[in-house]
Amino acid sequence: MKQLALVDGDLVVGPTGHQMTTGSDRIRQDLQLALSEPYGDDRFHRSWGSTLHRYIGQLVSPETQLMVEVELNRV
């Protein structure tokens, strides 16, 4: 399945028009977008995004490490 290619949030335009991404590059792009967007912010896809921003600035403990790992696995 193809998807529009993004770099730093912008569409990639090449000599033949908008570039597409597939395969492992598409998976990498999807994961990057899902992990960087706060969970529930997309009004059309309420289960999109992650809660990782909640852990920024917290003390690193076994509990926070576990919560981050659980969230990474959920996404």
C-alpha atoms as a PDB file:
ATOM      1  CA  MET A   1       0.000   0.000   0.000  1.00  0.00           C
ATOM      2  CA  LYS A   2       1.333   3.421  -0.920  1.00  0.00           C
ATOM      3  CA  GLN A   3       1.188   6.592   1.128  1.00  0.00           C
ATOM      4  CA  LEU A   4       2.331  10.151   0.541  1.00  0.00           C
ATOM      5  CA  ALA A   5       5.918  10.638   1.714  1.00  0.00           C
ATOM      6  CA  LEU A   6       6.568  13.216   4.438  1.00  0.00           C
ATOM      7  CA  VAL A   7       9.768  14.872   5.621  1.00  0.00           C
ATOM      8  CA  ASP A   8       9.548  17.043   8.749  1.00  0.00           C
ATOM      9  CA  GLY A   9       5.764  17.188   8.313  1.00  0.00           C
ATOM     10  CA  ASP A  10       5.919  18.406   4.695  1.00  0.00           C
ATOM     11  CA  LEU A  11       4.960  16.513   1.567  1.00  0.00           C
ATOM     12  CA  VAL A  12       7.919  15.428  -0.543  1.00  0.00           C
ATOM     13  CA  VAL A  13       7.718  16.743  -4.097  1.00  0.00           C
ATOM     14  CA  GLY A  14       9.975  15.363  -6.794  1.00  0.00           C
ATOM     15  CA  PRO A  15      10.380  15.871 -10.520  1.00  0.00           C
ATOM     16  CA  THR A  16       7.303  13.753 -11.272  1.00  0.00           C
ATOM     17  CA  GLY A  17       5.047  15.152  -8.537  1.00  0.00           C
ATOM     18  CA  HIS A  18       4.349  14.069  -4.982  1.00  0.00           C
ATOM     19  CA  GLN A  19       6.532  11.190  -3.824  1.00  0.00           C
ATOM     20  CA  MET A  20       5.055   8.039  -2.342  1.00  0.00           C
ATOM     21  CA  THR A  21       6.405   5.711   0.321  1.00  0.00           C
ATOM     22  CA  THR A  22       5.872   1.971   0.688  1.00  0.00           C
ATOM     23  CA  GLY A  23       7.214  -1.004   2.597  1.00  0.00           C
ATOM     24  CA  SER A  24       9.518  -0.510   5.560  1.00  0.00           C
ATOM     25  CA  ASP A  25       9.830   3.230   4.867  1.00  0.00           C
ATOM     26  CA  ARG A  26       6.053   3.574   5.174  1.00  0.00           C
ATOM     27  CA  ILE A  27       6.030   1.608   8.429  1.00  0.00           C
ATOM     28  CA  ARG A  28       8.817   3.823   9.784  1.00  0.00           C
ATOM     29  CA  GLN A  29       6.890   6.958   8.777  1.00  0.00           C
ATOM     30  CA  ASP A  30       3.624   5.696  10.319  1.00  0.00           C
ATOM     31  CA  LEU A  31       5.344   4.820  13.608  1.00  0.00           C
ATOM     32  CA  GLN A  32       7.104   8.175  13.771  1.00  0.00           C
ATOM     33  CA  LEU A  33       3.816  10.009  13.203  1.00  0.00           C
ATOM     34  CA  ALA A  34       1.890   7.880  15.702  1.00  0.00           C
ATOM     35  CA  LEU A  35       4.524   8.248  18.428  1.00  0.00           C
ATOM     36  CA  SER A  36       4.874  12.012  18.002  1.00  0.00           C
ATOM     37  CA  GLU A  37       1.159  12.911  17.977  1.00  0.00           C
ATOM     38  CA  PRO A  38      -0.668  13.070  21.327  1.00  0.00           C
ATOM     39  CA  TYR A  39      -3.231  10.306  21.793  1.00  0.00           C
ATOM     40  CA  GLY A  40      -6.761  11.374  20.866  1.00  0.00           C
ATOM     41  CA  ASP A  41      -5.813  14.651  19.140  1.00  0.00           C
ATOM     42  CA  ASP A  42      -6.995  13.500  15.706  1.00  0.00           C
ATOM     43  CA  ARG A  43     -10.734  14.138  15.668  1.00  0.00           C
ATOM     44  CA  PHE A  44     -11.295  11.559  12.917  1.00  0.00           C
ATOM     45  CA  HIS A  45      -9.121   8.834  14.485  1.00  0.00           C
ATOM     46  CA  ARG A  46      -9.496   9.075  18.270  1.00  0.00           C
ATOM     47  CA  SER A  47      -7.291   6.043  18.941  1.00  0.00           C
ATOM     48  CA  TRP A  48      -4.347   7.482  16.940  1.00  0.00           C
ATOM     49  CA  GLY A  49      -1.254   8.839  18.658  1.00  0.00           C
ATOM     50  CA  SER A  50       0.588   8.069  21.868  1.00  0.00           C
ATOM     51  CA  THR A  51       0.785   9.119  25.495  1.00  0.00           C
ATOM     52  CA  LEU A  52       4.594   9.318  25.507  1.00  0.00           C
ATOM     53  CA  HIS A  53       4.534  13.109  25.999  1.00  0.00           C
ATOM     54  CA  ARG A  54       3.200  12.479  29.539  1.00  0.00           C
ATOM     55  CA  TYR A  55       6.513  10.931  30.587  1.00  0.00           C
ATOM     56  CA  ILE A  56       8.782  13.785  29.475  1.00  0.00           C
ATOM     57  CA  GLY A  57      10.465  15.330  32.505  1.00  0.00           C
ATOM     58  CA  GLN A  58       9.507  12.552  34.907  1.00  0.00           C
ATOM     59  CA  LEU A  59      12.023  10.705  37.000  1.00  0.00           C
ATOM     60  CA  VAL A  60      13.106   7.468  35.408  1.00  0.00           C
ATOM     61  CA  SER A  61      11.958   4.579  37.539  1.00  0.00           C
ATOM     62  CA  PRO A  62      11.062   0.963  36.844  1.00  0.00           C
ATOM     63  CA  GLU A  63       7.409   2.022  36.728  1.00  0.00           C
ATOM     64  CA  THR A  64       7.944   4.758  34.121  1.00  0.00           C
ATOM     65  CA  GLN A  65      10.140   2.455  32.061  1.00  0.00           C
ATOM     66  CA  LEU A  66       7.377  -0.141  32.105  1.00  0.00           C
ATOM     67  CA  MET A  67       4.705   2.413  31.174  1.00  0.00           C
ATOM     68  CA  VAL A  68       6.777   3.683  28.225  1.00  0.00           C
ATOM     69  CA  GLU A  69       7.375   0.118  27.038  1.00  0.00           C
ATOM     70  CA  VAL A  70       3.661  -0.694  27.310  1.00  0.00           C
ATOM     71  CA  GLU A  71       2.787   2.416  25.299  1.00  0.00           C
ATOM     72  CA  LEU A  72       5.357   1.618  22.614  1.00  0.00           C
ATOM     73  CA  ASN A  73       3.892  -1.875  22.293  1.00  0.00           C
ATOM     74  CA  ARG A  74       0.341  -0.459  22.130  1.00  0.00           C
ATOM     75  CA  VAL A  75       1.244   1.849  19.265  1.00  0.00           C
END
